[in-house]
C-alpha atoms as a PDB file:
ATOM      1  CA  GLY A   1     -20.876  34.934 -26.137  1.00  0.00           C
ATOM      2  CA  GLU A   2     -20.609  31.931 -24.601  1.00  0.00           C
ATOM      3  CA  ALA A   3     -19.308  32.091 -21.428  1.00  0.00           C
ATOM      4  CA  ALA A   4     -15.584  30.552 -20.974  1.00  0.00           C
ATOM      5  CA  VAL A   5     -15.343  27.288 -18.561  1.00  0.00           C
ATOM      6  CA  ALA A   6     -12.528  26.718 -16.804  1.00  0.00           C
ATOM      7  CA  SER A   7     -10.671  23.118 -16.263  1.00  0.00           C
ATOM      8  CA  PRO A   8     -11.183  21.681 -12.718  1.00  0.00           C
ATOM      9  CA  PRO A   9      -7.745  21.835 -10.998  1.00  0.00           C
ATOM     10  CA  GLY A  10      -5.701  19.406 -12.648  1.00  0.00           C
ATOM     11  CA  GLY A  11      -7.708  19.391 -16.476  1.00  0.00           C
ATOM     12  CA  VAL A  12      -9.989  16.212 -14.673  1.00  0.00           C
ATOM     13  CA  THR A  13     -12.970  15.816 -12.742  1.00  0.00           C
ATOM     14  CA  PHE A  14     -13.476  14.964  -9.503  1.00  0.00           C
ATOM     15  CA  GLU A  15     -14.276  11.226 -10.468  1.00  0.00           C
ATOM     16  CA  VAL A  16     -11.523  10.862 -12.588  1.00  0.00           C
ATOM     17  CA  ALA A  17      -8.791  11.854 -10.099  1.00  0.00           C
ATOM     18  CA  GLN A  18     -10.768   9.569  -7.520  1.00  0.00           C
ATOM     19  CA  ASP A  19     -10.417   7.194 -10.286  1.00  0.00           C
ATOM     20  CA  ASN A  20      -6.454   7.823 -10.305  1.00  0.00           C
ATOM     21  CA  PHE A  21      -6.448   7.877  -6.470  1.00  0.00           C
ATOM     22  CA  LEU A  22      -8.161   4.603  -6.025  1.00  0.00           C
ATOM     23  CA  ARG A  23      -6.336   2.906  -8.819  1.00  0.00           C
ATOM     24  CA  SER A  24      -2.742   3.612  -7.529  1.00  0.00           C
ATOM     25  CA  LEU A  25      -4.018   2.786  -3.599  1.00  0.00           C
ATOM     26  CA  VAL A  26      -5.088  -0.588  -4.519  1.00  0.00           C
ATOM     27  CA  GLY A  27      -1.449  -0.792  -6.756  1.00  0.00           C
ATOM     28  CA  TYR A  28       0.752   1.068  -3.916  1.00  0.00           C
ATOM     29  CA  SER A  29      -0.894  -1.584  -1.592  1.00  0.00           C
ATOM     30  CA  LEU A  30      -0.555  -4.392  -2.896  1.00  0.00           C
ATOM     31  CA  VAL A  31       3.668  -3.691  -3.504  1.00  0.00           C
ATOM     32  CA  CYS A  32       3.558  -2.403  -0.024  1.00  0.00           C
ATOM     33  CA  TYR A  33       2.613  -5.164   1.449  1.00  0.00           C
ATOM     34  CA  VAL A  34       4.453  -7.705  -0.851  1.00  0.00           C
ATOM     35  CA  LEU A  35       7.512  -6.556   0.013  1.00  0.00           C
ATOM     36  CA  GLN A  36       6.367  -5.233   3.420  1.00  0.00           C
ATOM     37  CA  ILE A  37       7.651  -1.115   2.852  1.00  0.00           C
ATOM     38  CA  LYS A  38       7.777   1.006   5.610  1.00  0.00           C
ATOM     39  CA  ASP A  39       8.752   4.729   6.673  1.00  0.00           C
ATOM     40  CA  ARG A  40       5.461   4.972   4.726  1.00  0.00           C
ATOM     41  CA  HIS A  41       4.570   8.502   6.737  1.00  0.00           C
ATOM     42  CA  ASN A  42       2.993  11.398   4.252  1.00  0.00           C
ATOM     43  CA  ALA A  43       6.084  13.120   3.296  1.00  0.00           C
ATOM     44  CA  ASN A  44       6.770   9.917   1.689  1.00  0.00           C
ATOM     45  CA  ILE A  45       3.646   9.319  -0.340  1.00  0.00           C
ATOM     46  CA  LEU A  46       3.025  12.190  -3.463  1.00  0.00           C
ATOM     47  CA  LEU A  47      -0.614  12.883  -5.205  1.00  0.00           C
ATOM     48  CA  ASP A  48       0.194  14.712  -8.225  1.00  0.00           C
ATOM     49  CA  ARG A  49      -2.788  16.727 -10.404  1.00  0.00           C
ATOM     50  CA  THR A  50      -4.199  14.282 -11.426  1.00  0.00           C
ATOM     51  CA  GLY A  51      -5.318  12.077  -8.229  1.00  0.00           C
ATOM     52  CA  HIS A  52      -2.231   9.479  -8.418  1.00  0.00           C
ATOM     53  CA  LEU A  53      -0.216   8.621  -5.321  1.00  0.00           C
ATOM     54  CA  MET A  54       3.536   8.147  -5.568  1.00  0.00           C
ATOM     55  CA  HIS A  55       5.473   6.444  -2.943  1.00  0.00           C
ATOM     56  CA  ILE A  56       8.868   7.609  -2.966  1.00  0.00           C
ATOM     57  CA  ASP A  57      11.830   7.050  -0.337  1.00  0.00           C
ATOM     58  CA  PHE A  58      11.814   3.317  -0.388  1.00  0.00           C
ATOM     59  CA  GLY A  59      14.849   3.012   1.830  1.00  0.00           C
ATOM     60  CA  PHE A  60      13.083   0.253   4.431  1.00  0.00           C
ATOM     61  CA  VAL A  61      11.638  -2.546   2.736  1.00  0.00           C
ATOM     62  CA  LEU A  62      11.303  -6.403   3.385  1.00  0.00           C
ATOM     63  CA  GLY A  63      10.015  -5.668   6.914  1.00  0.00           C
ATOM     64  CA  ASP A  64      13.381  -3.578   7.580  1.00  0.00           C
ATOM     65  CA  THR A  65      12.133  -0.558  10.135  1.00  0.00           C
ATOM     66  CA  PRO A  66      13.462   3.248  10.908  1.00  0.00           C
ATOM     67  CA  LYS A  67      16.372   2.645  14.089  1.00  0.00           C
ATOM     68  CA  MET A  68      18.060   5.619  16.082  1.00  0.00           C
ATOM     69  CA  GLY A  69      21.226   3.145  16.389  1.00  0.00           C
ATOM     70  CA  LYS A  70      19.581   0.152  16.854  1.00  0.00           C
ATOM     71  CA  VAL A  71      16.707   0.520  18.981  1.00  0.00           C
ATOM     72  CA  PRO A  72      13.156   0.625  16.190  1.00  0.00           C
ATOM     73  CA  ILE A  73      11.938   4.362  15.784  1.00  0.00           C
ATOM     74  CA  PHE A  74       8.364   2.291  15.760  1.00  0.00           C
ATOM     75  CA  SER A  75       7.080  -0.801  14.556  1.00  0.00           C
ATOM     76  CA  GLU A  76       4.855  -0.175  11.366  1.00  0.00           C
ATOM     77  CA  ARG A  77       2.794  -3.412  11.765  1.00  0.00           C
ATOM     78  CA  ALA A  78      -0.346  -2.699   9.202  1.00  0.00           C
ATOM     79  CA  PRO A  79      -0.166  -3.863   6.114  1.00  0.00           C
ATOM     80  CA  PHE A  80       0.690  -1.303   4.542  1.00  0.00           C
ATOM     81  CA  LYS A  81      -0.659   2.472   4.743  1.00  0.00           C
ATOM     82  CA  LEU A  82      -4.346   3.075   4.386  1.00  0.00           C
ATOM     83  CA  THR A  83      -5.253   6.199   6.459  1.00  0.00           C
ATOM     84  CA  GLN A  84      -8.731   7.184   6.831  1.00  0.00           C
ATOM     85  CA  GLU A  85      -7.661  10.287   4.862  1.00  0.00           C
ATOM     86  CA  PHE A  86      -7.269   8.063   1.557  1.00  0.00           C
ATOM     87  CA  TRP A  87     -10.619   6.104   2.571  1.00  0.00           C
ATOM     88  CA  ASP A  88     -12.452   9.271   2.602  1.00  0.00           C
ATOM     89  CA  VAL A  89     -10.978  10.181  -0.719  1.00  0.00           C
ATOM     90  CA  ILE A  90     -12.185   7.340  -2.069  1.00  0.00           C
ATOM     91  CA  GLY A  91     -15.518   7.172  -0.375  1.00  0.00           C
ATOM     92  CA  GLY A  92     -15.520   4.827   2.476  1.00  0.00           C
ATOM     93  CA  TRP A  93     -17.846   1.830   2.403  1.00  0.00           C
ATOM     94  CA  ASN A  94     -21.218   2.811   1.255  1.00  0.00           C
ATOM     95  CA  PHE A  95     -21.755   2.127  -1.878  1.00  0.00           C
ATOM     96  CA  ARG A  96     -25.301   4.159  -2.318  1.00  0.00           C
ATOM     97  CA  GLU A  97     -23.607   7.020  -1.403  1.00  0.00           C
ATOM     98  CA  GLY A  98     -20.528   6.509  -4.281  1.00  0.00           C
ATOM     99  CA  GLY A  99     -18.218   4.814  -1.469  1.00  0.00           C
ATOM    100  CA  LEU A 100     -15.231   2.702  -3.561  1.00  0.00           C
ATOM    101  CA  GLY A 101     -14.313   0.677  -0.736  1.00  0.00           C
ATOM    102  CA  VAL A 102     -15.876  -2.256  -1.605  1.00  0.00           C
ATOM    103  CA  LYS A 103     -14.660  -1.507  -5.480  1.00  0.00           C
ATOM    104  CA  PHE A 104     -10.724  -0.987  -3.653  1.00  0.00           C
ATOM    105  CA  CYS A 105     -11.096  -4.469  -2.181  1.00  0.00           C
ATOM    106  CA  ARG A 106     -12.505  -6.463  -5.301  1.00  0.00           C
ATOM    107  CA  MET A 107      -9.608  -4.499  -7.337  1.00  0.00           C
ATOM    108  CA  PHE A 108      -7.129  -5.238  -4.423  1.00  0.00           C
ATOM    109  CA  GLU A 109      -8.573  -9.491  -4.384  1.00  0.00           C
ATOM    110  CA  GLU A 110      -7.906  -9.337  -8.574  1.00  0.00           C
ATOM    111  CA  ALA A 111      -4.845  -8.012  -8.440  1.00  0.00           C
ATOM    112  CA  PHE A 112      -3.912 -10.166  -5.694  1.00  0.00           C
ATOM    113  CA  ALA A 113      -4.514 -13.009  -7.353  1.00  0.00           C
ATOM    114  CA  VAL A 114      -3.059 -11.653 -10.208  1.00  0.00           C
ATOM    115  CA  ALA A 115       0.659 -11.128  -8.158  1.00  0.00           C
ATOM    116  CA  ALA A 116       0.531 -14.262  -6.405  1.00  0.00           C
ATOM    117  CA  SER A 117       0.506 -16.082  -9.856  1.00  0.00           C
ATOM    118  CA  HIS A 118       3.776 -15.443 -10.283  1.00  0.00           C
ATOM    119  CA  ALA A 119       5.169 -15.418  -6.641  1.00  0.00           C
ATOM    120  CA  ASP A 120       8.099 -17.787  -7.288  1.00  0.00           C
ATOM    121  CA  GLU A 121       9.183 -14.980  -9.198  1.00  0.00           C
ATOM    122  CA  VAL A 122       9.019 -12.341  -7.574  1.00  0.00           C
ATOM    123  CA  ALA A 123      10.055 -14.274  -4.416  1.00  0.00           C
ATOM    124  CA  SER A 124      13.152 -15.638  -6.144  1.00  0.00           C
ATOM    125  CA  LEU A 125      14.118 -11.850  -7.741  1.00  0.00           C
ATOM    126  CA  ILE A 126      13.988 -10.842  -3.879  1.00  0.00           C
ATOM    127  CA  GLU A 127      16.396 -13.495  -2.942  1.00  0.00           C
ATOM    128  CA  ALA A 128      18.757 -13.038  -5.635  1.00  0.00           C
ATOM    129  CA  ALA A 129      18.963  -9.133  -5.400  1.00  0.00           C
ATOM    130  CA  VAL A 130      19.376 -10.083  -1.362  1.00  0.00           C
ATOM    131  CA  LEU A 131      22.318 -12.821  -1.790  1.00  0.00           C
ATOM    132  CA  ASN A 132      23.821 -10.281  -4.485  1.00  0.00           C
ATOM    133  CA  LEU A 133      23.623  -7.214  -1.624  1.00  0.00           C
ATOM    134  CA  THR A 134      25.083  -9.342   1.397  1.00  0.00           C
ATOM    135  CA  ARG A 135      26.149 -12.724   0.237  1.00  0.00           C
ATOM    136  CA  ASP A 136      24.017 -14.220   3.015  1.00  0.00           C
ATOM    137  CA  ALA A 137      22.297 -17.035   1.797  1.00  0.00           C
ATOM    138  CA  ALA A 138      19.968 -17.740   4.907  1.00  0.00           C
ATOM    139  CA  GLU A 139      18.690 -14.388   5.050  1.00  0.00           C
ATOM    140  CA  ALA A 140      18.177 -13.866   1.540  1.00  0.00           C
ATOM    141  CA  ARG A 141      16.010 -17.673   1.447  1.00  0.00           C
ATOM    142  CA  LYS A 142      14.168 -16.265   4.401  1.00  0.00           C
ATOM    143  CA  LEU A 143      13.486 -12.682   3.115  1.00  0.00           C
ATOM    144  CA  ALA A 144      12.359 -14.616   0.085  1.00  0.00           C
ATOM    145  CA  ASP A 145      10.251 -16.962   1.904  1.00  0.00           C
ATOM    146  CA  GLY A 146       8.062 -14.052   3.570  1.00  0.00           C
ATOM    147  CA  VAL A 147       7.486 -13.064   0.088  1.00  0.00           C
ATOM    148  CA  ARG A 148       5.964 -16.064  -0.985  1.00  0.00           C
ATOM    149  CA  ASP A 149       4.003 -16.683   2.062  1.00  0.00           C
ATOM    150  CA  ARG A 150       2.973 -12.946   1.746  1.00  0.00           C
ATOM    151  CA  LEU A 151       1.617 -13.907  -1.558  1.00  0.00           C
ATOM    152  CA  ARG A 152       0.099 -17.461  -1.003  1.00  0.00           C
ATOM    153  CA  MET A 153      -3.807 -17.522  -1.609  1.00  0.00           C
ATOM    154  CA  ARG A 154      -6.014 -18.514   1.124  1.00  0.00           C
ATOM    155  CA  GLY A 155      -8.403 -20.004  -1.018  1.00  0.00           C
ATOM    156  CA  PRO A 156      -9.053 -20.135  -4.578  1.00  0.00           C
ATOM    157  CA  ARG A 157      -9.923 -17.315  -6.419  1.00  0.00           C
ATOM    158  CA  GLY A 158     -13.056 -15.781  -5.689  1.00  0.00           C
ATOM    159  CA  SER A 159     -13.329 -17.582  -2.956  1.00  0.00           C
ATOM    160  CA  LYS A 160     -15.192 -16.762   0.696  1.00  0.00           C
ATOM    161  CA  VAL A 161     -12.075 -17.660   2.278  1.00  0.00           C
ATOM    162  CA  GLN A 162     -10.000 -15.756   0.006  1.00  0.00           C
ATOM    163  CA  LYS A 163     -12.491 -12.681   0.030  1.00  0.00           C
ATOM    164  CA  ASN A 164     -11.986 -13.001   3.805  1.00  0.00           C
ATOM    165  CA  PHE A 165      -8.204 -12.530   3.502  1.00  0.00           C
ATOM    166  CA  ILE A 166      -8.655  -9.334   1.386  1.00  0.00           C
ATOM    167  CA  VAL A 167     -11.115  -7.734   3.705  1.00  0.00           C
ATOM    168  CA  ASP A 168      -8.777  -8.461   6.613  1.00  0.00           C
ATOM    169  CA  LEU A 169      -5.898  -7.603   5.137  1.00  0.00           C
ATOM    170  CA  VAL A 170      -7.690  -3.849   4.021  1.00  0.00           C
ATOM    171  CA  ASP A 171      -9.656  -3.718   7.754  1.00  0.00           C
ATOM    172  CA  GLY A 172      -5.787  -3.875   9.460  1.00  0.00           C
ATOM    173  CA  ALA A 173      -4.000  -1.450   7.581  1.00  0.00           C
ATOM    174  CA  LEU A 174      -7.802   0.998   7.920  1.00  0.00           C
ATOM    175  CA  THR A 175      -8.147   0.712  11.354  1.00  0.00           C
ATOM    176  CA  SER A 176      -4.078   0.338  12.515  1.00  0.00           C
ATOM    177  CA  TRP A 177      -3.314   2.494  14.820  1.00  0.00           C
ATOM    178  CA  GLU A 178       0.335   2.347  14.299  1.00  0.00           C
ATOM    179  CA  THR A 179      -0.168   4.244  10.822  1.00  0.00           C
ATOM    180  CA  SER A 180      -1.828   7.381  12.632  1.00  0.00           C
ATOM    181  CA  THR A 181       0.925   7.310  15.386  1.00  0.00           C
ATOM    182  CA  TYR A 182       3.705   7.407  12.894  1.00  0.00           C
ATOM    183  CA  ASP A 183       2.898  10.180  11.015  1.00  0.00           C
ATOM    184  CA  TRP A 184       1.600  11.488  14.159  1.00  0.00           C
ATOM    185  CA  LEU A 185       5.720  10.905  15.344  1.00  0.00           C
ATOM    186  CA  GLN A 186       6.993  11.542  11.792  1.00  0.00           C
ATOM    187  CA  ARG A 187       4.874  15.051  11.990  1.00  0.00           C
ATOM    188  CA  SER A 188       6.609  16.052  15.995  1.00  0.00           C
ATOM    189  CA  MET A 189       9.944  14.716  14.916  1.00  0.00           C
ATOM    190  CA  ASN A 190      10.525  16.398  11.753  1.00  0.00           C
ATOM    191  CA  GLY A 191       7.701  18.588  10.851  1.00  0.00           C
ATOM    192  CA  TYR A 192       6.407  16.636   8.255  1.00  0.00           C
ATOM    193  CA  GLN A 193       2.894  17.078   6.977  1.00  0.00           C
END
């Protein structure tokens, strides 16, 4: 008889899992950038068996960061979490060796352009939610303006200026020492791996 072929873990191939990881990484990266979701240590990011990233615990958004009393524990300044480990999963920049870094940037650029076309709607929702929660019109406007600013196109869609902006965001996230330091801090203080 024929030998039984075991299906890969999770029932998907590495390539499918890598593509799922890439797509979810792009989406969450954009959302975390636009909404300034913080506290993105490894215990707040899950991975399913098919490669999808899933963020949990959205207690710190719109620039708010974890604090001890009124003092921030650590200032996360990276535009979004993009660790070297994440980058390694998608194969990095080297397209010839299967790296999907360029594809990540292209997908992020396209997703950004789509989100930017709805900047006013997104900002208005943020403003309404904050106003409803805090009754502080000035703070609500300030946070909404921050969302609008983050969703501002730096040049026409596909332009060199816009592409450079996206690459700078990605590079800023990928090379942020704050990300690895925050992961270390969470691991040391709370045992998060």
